[in-house]
Amino acid sequence: MSNANDSATAQSWLYEGIWGMLSGFFCVPRTSPILPAIDRESVVSRKPSPGFLRYLKFQFWVSIAIITIIVMVASIVILIASEEPLVLIGSVAVVILFAAISLIGYLAIYLRFDTTWYVFSDRSMRLRRGIWLIRESTITFENVQNVKVTQGPLQRFFGIANVVVETAGGGGAVNEAGAGLGMHAGLIEGVAEAAEIRDSIMSRVKTTKTTGLGDEETGTAHPASNWSPRHVETLREIRDLAKQLAHR
């Protein structure tokens, strides 16, 4: 048990050191984005569920296993077909390069998880992700047209789902990674409380002046006019005078 804890601590220190170096080099903020709020307005910051990290790791190891099998088979075939020493050296170099790329890819999973933030206020939300290219978008609830939950079989296994927020002028296909969202949609991916987040967004949308969901109440009374009969009579006199001047 002690060895397992020591190993986990060593991995944590190693990752923190690399993460600190990369975040400083790429100037990546380590805290959640700031969302302006008025007095007494609640602001909540969320991150993806831990199940999202396990989901990314599973995809990574499956991909690595497939590539490893392909590389091993190709190396064996090449070694059998050729007895040149350079071929053996080249195969070893390929294996070392593949191991280095795998390590970078594994660290990228943690970096992707740690740099993803979702911040909600009573009037809007702000989404941020990315390291090399930081993508940060703000969506006001009054511009939201539709909110939906998407969940594939693998996501269901890890207990996570995506929430897609479509705004005015939006639409279009959305895949599991969020590609194709464009400028008119926001992706909240890898969350365990997808239905709760969807319902929370929709309730805030309905409290705005224009819901955008097609369920506004009809027959809304317009504000009564503040014009008195005397004001109306004065405006008519101005209109008649303008007509007389125009005919001269």
Protein backbone atom coordinates (compact mmCIF):
# COMPACT_ATOMS: atom_id res chain seq x y z
CA MET A 1 0.00 0.00 0.00
CA SER A 2 2.86 2.32 0.88
CA ASN A 3 4.60 1.60 -2.43
CA ALA A 4 1.40 2.44 -4.33
CA ASN A 5 1.06 5.73 -2.49
CA ASP A 6 4.72 6.56 -3.11
CA SER A 7 4.27 5.80 -6.80
CA ALA A 8 1.18 7.99 -7.01
CA THR A 9 3.00 10.80 -5.21
CA ALA A 10 5.98 10.53 -7.56
CA GLN A 11 3.66 10.62 -10.60
CA SER A 12 1.88 13.66 -9.14
CA TRP A 13 5.18 15.50 -8.62
CA LEU A 14 6.36 14.59 -12.11
CA TYR A 15 3.12 15.80 -13.67
CA GLU A 16 3.01 18.97 -11.61
CA GLY A 17 6.56 19.77 -12.65
CA ILE A 18 5.83 19.24 -16.35
CA TRP A 19 2.46 21.01 -16.07
CA GLY A 20 4.07 23.96 -14.32
CA MET A 21 6.75 24.20 -16.99
CA LEU A 22 4.30 23.93 -19.90
CA SER A 23 1.74 26.30 -18.40
CA GLY A 24 4.50 28.86 -17.86
CA PHE A 25 5.93 28.37 -21.35
CA PHE A 26 2.56 28.58 -23.12
CA CYS A 27 1.21 31.20 -20.67
CA VAL A 28 -1.80 28.99 -19.90
CA PRO A 29 -3.86 30.23 -16.93
CA ARG A 30 -4.23 27.51 -14.29
CA THR A 31 -7.36 28.97 -12.73
CA SER A 32 -10.89 29.22 -14.10
CA PRO A 33 -11.78 32.13 -16.41
CA ILE A 34 -13.38 35.20 -14.86
CA LEU A 35 -16.99 35.91 -15.76
CA PRO A 36 -18.19 39.43 -14.92
CA ALA A 37 -21.18 39.43 -12.56
CA ILE A 38 -23.36 42.05 -10.97
CA ASP A 39 -23.91 42.32 -7.21
CA ARG A 40 -25.41 39.22 -5.58
CA GLU A 41 -25.16 37.26 -8.83
CA SER A 42 -23.95 33.70 -8.31
CA VAL A 43 -20.97 32.47 -10.34
CA VAL A 44 -20.18 28.75 -10.43
CA SER A 45 -17.06 27.16 -11.97
CA ARG A 46 -17.13 23.55 -13.15
CA LYS A 47 -14.66 21.11 -14.62
CA PRO A 48 -15.27 17.88 -16.52
CA SER A 49 -16.08 14.81 -14.45
CA PRO A 50 -13.23 12.46 -13.39
CA GLY A 51 -15.00 9.93 -15.62
CA PHE A 52 -14.01 12.12 -18.57
CA LEU A 53 -10.34 11.62 -17.70
CA ARG A 54 -10.85 7.84 -17.57
CA TYR A 55 -12.72 8.05 -20.87
CA LEU A 56 -9.79 9.86 -22.53
CA LYS A 57 -7.29 7.38 -21.07
CA PHE A 58 -9.28 4.43 -22.36
CA GLN A 59 -9.36 5.90 -25.88
CA PHE A 60 -5.64 6.62 -25.64
CA TRP A 61 -4.64 3.09 -24.56
CA VAL A 62 -6.84 1.45 -27.18
CA SER A 63 -5.20 3.59 -29.86
CA ILE A 64 -1.74 2.83 -28.49
CA ALA A 65 -2.47 -0.92 -28.44
CA ILE A 66 -3.59 -0.88 -32.08
CA ILE A 67 -0.58 1.15 -33.21
CA THR A 68 1.79 -1.04 -31.18
CA ILE A 69 0.50 -4.20 -32.85
CA ILE A 70 0.89 -2.63 -36.28
CA VAL A 71 4.45 -1.41 -35.52
CA MET A 72 5.50 -4.79 -34.08
CA VAL A 73 4.13 -6.75 -37.02
CA ALA A 74 5.75 -4.39 -39.52
CA SER A 75 9.09 -4.56 -37.68
CA ILE A 76 9.07 -8.38 -37.59
CA VAL A 77 8.27 -8.58 -41.28
CA ILE A 78 11.04 -6.12 -42.15
CA LEU A 79 13.59 -7.93 -39.96
CA ILE A 80 12.73 -11.30 -41.50
CA ALA A 81 12.92 -9.93 -45.02
CA SER A 82 16.24 -8.14 -44.45
CA GLU A 83 19.35 -9.05 -42.48
CA GLU A 84 20.95 -5.61 -42.72
CA PRO A 85 22.15 -4.20 -39.34
CA LEU A 86 20.84 -0.76 -40.31
CA VAL A 87 17.34 -2.16 -40.52
CA LEU A 88 17.59 -3.38 -36.90
CA ILE A 89 18.92 -0.01 -35.77
CA GLY A 90 16.08 1.73 -37.62
CA SER A 91 13.50 -0.51 -35.98
CA VAL A 92 14.87 0.27 -32.52
CA ALA A 93 14.80 4.00 -33.33
CA VAL A 94 11.17 3.72 -34.41
CA VAL A 95 10.26 1.99 -31.15
CA ILE A 96 12.01 4.69 -29.09
CA LEU A 97 10.30 7.46 -31.08
CA PHE A 98 6.93 5.76 -30.64
CA ALA A 99 7.49 5.49 -26.87
CA ALA A 100 8.35 9.21 -26.66
CA ILE A 101 5.25 10.17 -28.64
CA SER A 102 3.12 7.94 -26.41
CA LEU A 103 4.45 9.67 -23.29
CA ILE A 104 3.67 13.09 -24.74
CA GLY A 105 0.20 11.91 -25.71
CA TYR A 106 -0.46 10.58 -22.21
CA LEU A 107 0.55 13.89 -20.64
CA ALA A 108 -1.63 15.73 -23.17
CA ILE A 109 -4.67 13.91 -21.77
CA TYR A 110 -4.08 15.40 -18.32
CA LEU A 111 -3.32 18.81 -19.78
CA ARG A 112 -6.55 18.74 -21.77
CA PHE A 113 -8.50 17.84 -18.63
CA ASP A 114 -6.85 20.49 -16.46
CA THR A 115 -7.29 23.34 -18.96
CA THR A 116 -11.02 22.76 -19.54
CA TRP A 117 -13.35 25.05 -17.57
CA TYR A 118 -17.05 25.86 -17.59
CA VAL A 119 -18.17 28.99 -15.70
CA PHE A 120 -21.85 29.91 -15.19
CA SER A 121 -23.51 33.07 -13.90
CA ASP A 122 -27.20 33.98 -13.78
CA ARG A 123 -26.97 35.70 -17.19
CA SER A 124 -24.25 33.93 -19.18
CA MET A 125 -21.63 31.20 -19.31
CA ARG A 126 -17.98 31.08 -20.38
CA LEU A 127 -16.24 28.00 -21.81
CA ARG A 128 -12.46 27.55 -22.06
CA ARG A 129 -10.25 24.75 -23.34
CA GLY A 130 -6.90 24.31 -25.05
CA ILE A 131 -3.16 24.74 -24.41
CA TRP A 132 -1.42 25.65 -27.65
CA LEU A 133 -4.59 27.34 -28.93
CA ILE A 134 -6.83 28.55 -26.11
CA ARG A 135 -10.48 28.68 -27.13
CA GLU A 136 -12.66 30.76 -24.83
CA SER A 137 -16.24 31.69 -25.65
CA THR A 138 -19.01 33.49 -23.80
CA ILE A 139 -22.69 32.75 -24.38
CA THR A 140 -25.49 34.87 -22.94
CA PHE A 141 -28.58 32.90 -21.99
CA GLU A 142 -30.93 35.27 -23.83
CA ASN A 143 -29.29 34.18 -27.12
CA VAL A 144 -29.70 30.46 -26.48
CA GLN A 145 -31.98 28.65 -28.94
CA ASN A 146 -31.65 25.04 -27.83
CA VAL A 147 -29.88 22.90 -25.23
CA LYS A 148 -29.39 19.16 -25.73
CA VAL A 149 -27.53 16.25 -24.20
CA THR A 150 -25.52 13.81 -26.35
CA GLN A 151 -24.10 10.53 -25.08
CA GLY A 152 -22.40 7.69 -26.92
CA PRO A 153 -22.14 4.09 -25.70
CA LEU A 154 -18.59 4.55 -24.40
CA GLN A 155 -19.53 7.76 -22.63
CA ARG A 156 -22.48 5.97 -21.06
CA PHE A 157 -20.11 3.31 -19.73
CA PHE A 158 -17.98 5.97 -18.02
CA GLY A 159 -21.03 7.85 -16.73
CA ILE A 160 -20.50 11.07 -18.69
CA ALA A 161 -22.24 13.00 -21.44
CA ASN A 162 -21.94 16.23 -23.45
CA VAL A 163 -24.20 19.26 -23.26
CA VAL A 164 -24.52 21.19 -26.54
CA VAL A 165 -25.76 24.78 -26.28
CA GLU A 166 -26.99 26.19 -29.60
CA THR A 167 -27.41 29.93 -30.06
CA ALA A 168 -29.12 32.13 -32.65
CA GLY A 169 -27.98 31.25 -36.15
CA GLY A 170 -26.65 27.89 -34.93
CA GLY A 171 -27.29 24.33 -35.93
CA GLY A 172 -25.12 21.89 -37.81
CA ALA A 173 -23.57 18.54 -37.00
CA VAL A 174 -21.80 17.91 -33.75
CA ASN A 175 -19.56 14.89 -33.19
CA GLU A 176 -18.24 13.40 -29.97
CA ALA A 177 -15.19 15.66 -29.91
CA GLY A 178 -17.24 18.78 -30.51
CA ALA A 179 -15.94 19.41 -34.03
CA GLY A 180 -18.32 21.26 -36.29
CA LEU A 181 -19.78 23.40 -33.51
CA GLY A 182 -18.74 26.59 -35.22
CA MET A 183 -19.49 30.03 -33.82
CA HIS A 184 -23.10 29.35 -32.89
CA ALA A 185 -22.79 26.58 -30.33
CA GLY A 186 -20.93 25.78 -27.15
CA LEU A 187 -19.81 22.36 -25.93
CA ILE A 188 -19.78 21.29 -22.29
CA GLU A 189 -18.14 17.89 -22.59
CA GLY A 190 -17.44 15.05 -20.21
CA VAL A 191 -19.80 15.96 -17.37
CA ALA A 192 -21.65 13.56 -15.10
CA GLU A 193 -24.51 15.99 -14.36
CA ALA A 194 -25.42 16.63 -18.00
CA ALA A 195 -29.20 16.59 -17.46
CA GLU A 196 -28.87 18.84 -14.41
CA ILE A 197 -26.72 21.34 -16.33
CA ARG A 198 -29.14 21.31 -19.28
CA ASP A 199 -32.14 21.97 -17.03
CA SER A 200 -30.27 24.70 -15.16
CA ILE A 201 -29.38 26.49 -18.41
CA MET A 202 -32.94 26.20 -19.73
CA SER A 203 -34.40 27.58 -16.50
CA ARG A 204 -32.07 30.58 -16.70
CA VAL A 205 -32.91 31.06 -20.37
CA LYS A 206 -36.62 31.20 -19.51
CA THR A 207 -36.05 33.93 -16.94
CA THR A 208 -34.43 36.26 -19.47
CA LYS A 209 -36.38 38.84 -21.42
CA THR A 210 -36.43 36.72 -24.57
CA THR A 211 -36.20 32.97 -24.03
CA GLY A 212 -35.40 31.95 -27.61
CA LEU A 213 -37.04 28.58 -26.97
CA GLY A 214 -40.39 29.42 -28.54
CA ASP A 215 -42.32 29.33 -25.28
CA GLU A 216 -42.80 33.02 -24.61
CA GLU A 217 -46.16 33.91 -23.19
CA THR A 218 -48.54 35.35 -25.80
CA GLY A 219 -50.66 38.39 -25.29
CA THR A 220 -48.08 40.22 -23.23
CA ALA A 221 -49.43 43.65 -22.33
CA HIS A 222 -47.53 46.59 -23.75
CA PRO A 223 -46.73 49.53 -21.49
CA ALA A 224 -49.48 52.12 -21.44
CA SER A 225 -48.79 55.35 -23.26
CA ASN A 226 -47.81 58.34 -21.14
CA TRP A 227 -49.17 60.84 -23.69
CA SER A 228 -52.03 63.00 -22.38
CA PRO A 229 -54.86 64.39 -24.63
CA ARG A 230 -53.21 67.81 -24.48
CA HIS A 231 -49.92 66.33 -25.80
CA VAL A 232 -51.79 64.66 -28.66
CA GLU A 233 -53.60 67.91 -29.56
CA THR A 234 -50.30 69.81 -29.58
CA LEU A 235 -48.74 67.25 -31.91
CA ARG A 236 -51.72 67.56 -34.28
CA GLU A 237 -51.31 71.33 -34.37
CA ILE A 238 -47.61 70.92 -35.20
CA ARG A 239 -48.52 68.47 -37.98
CA ASP A 240 -51.13 70.85 -39.49
CA LEU A 241 -48.70 73.76 -39.32
CA ALA A 242 -46.03 71.70 -41.09
CA LYS A 243 -48.49 70.86 -43.88
CA GLN A 244 -49.39 74.55 -44.34
CA LEU A 245 -45.73 75.54 -44.57
CA ALA A 246 -45.10 72.77 -47.10
CA HIS A 247 -47.83 74.11 -49.47
CA ARG A 248 -46.49 77.65 -49.48
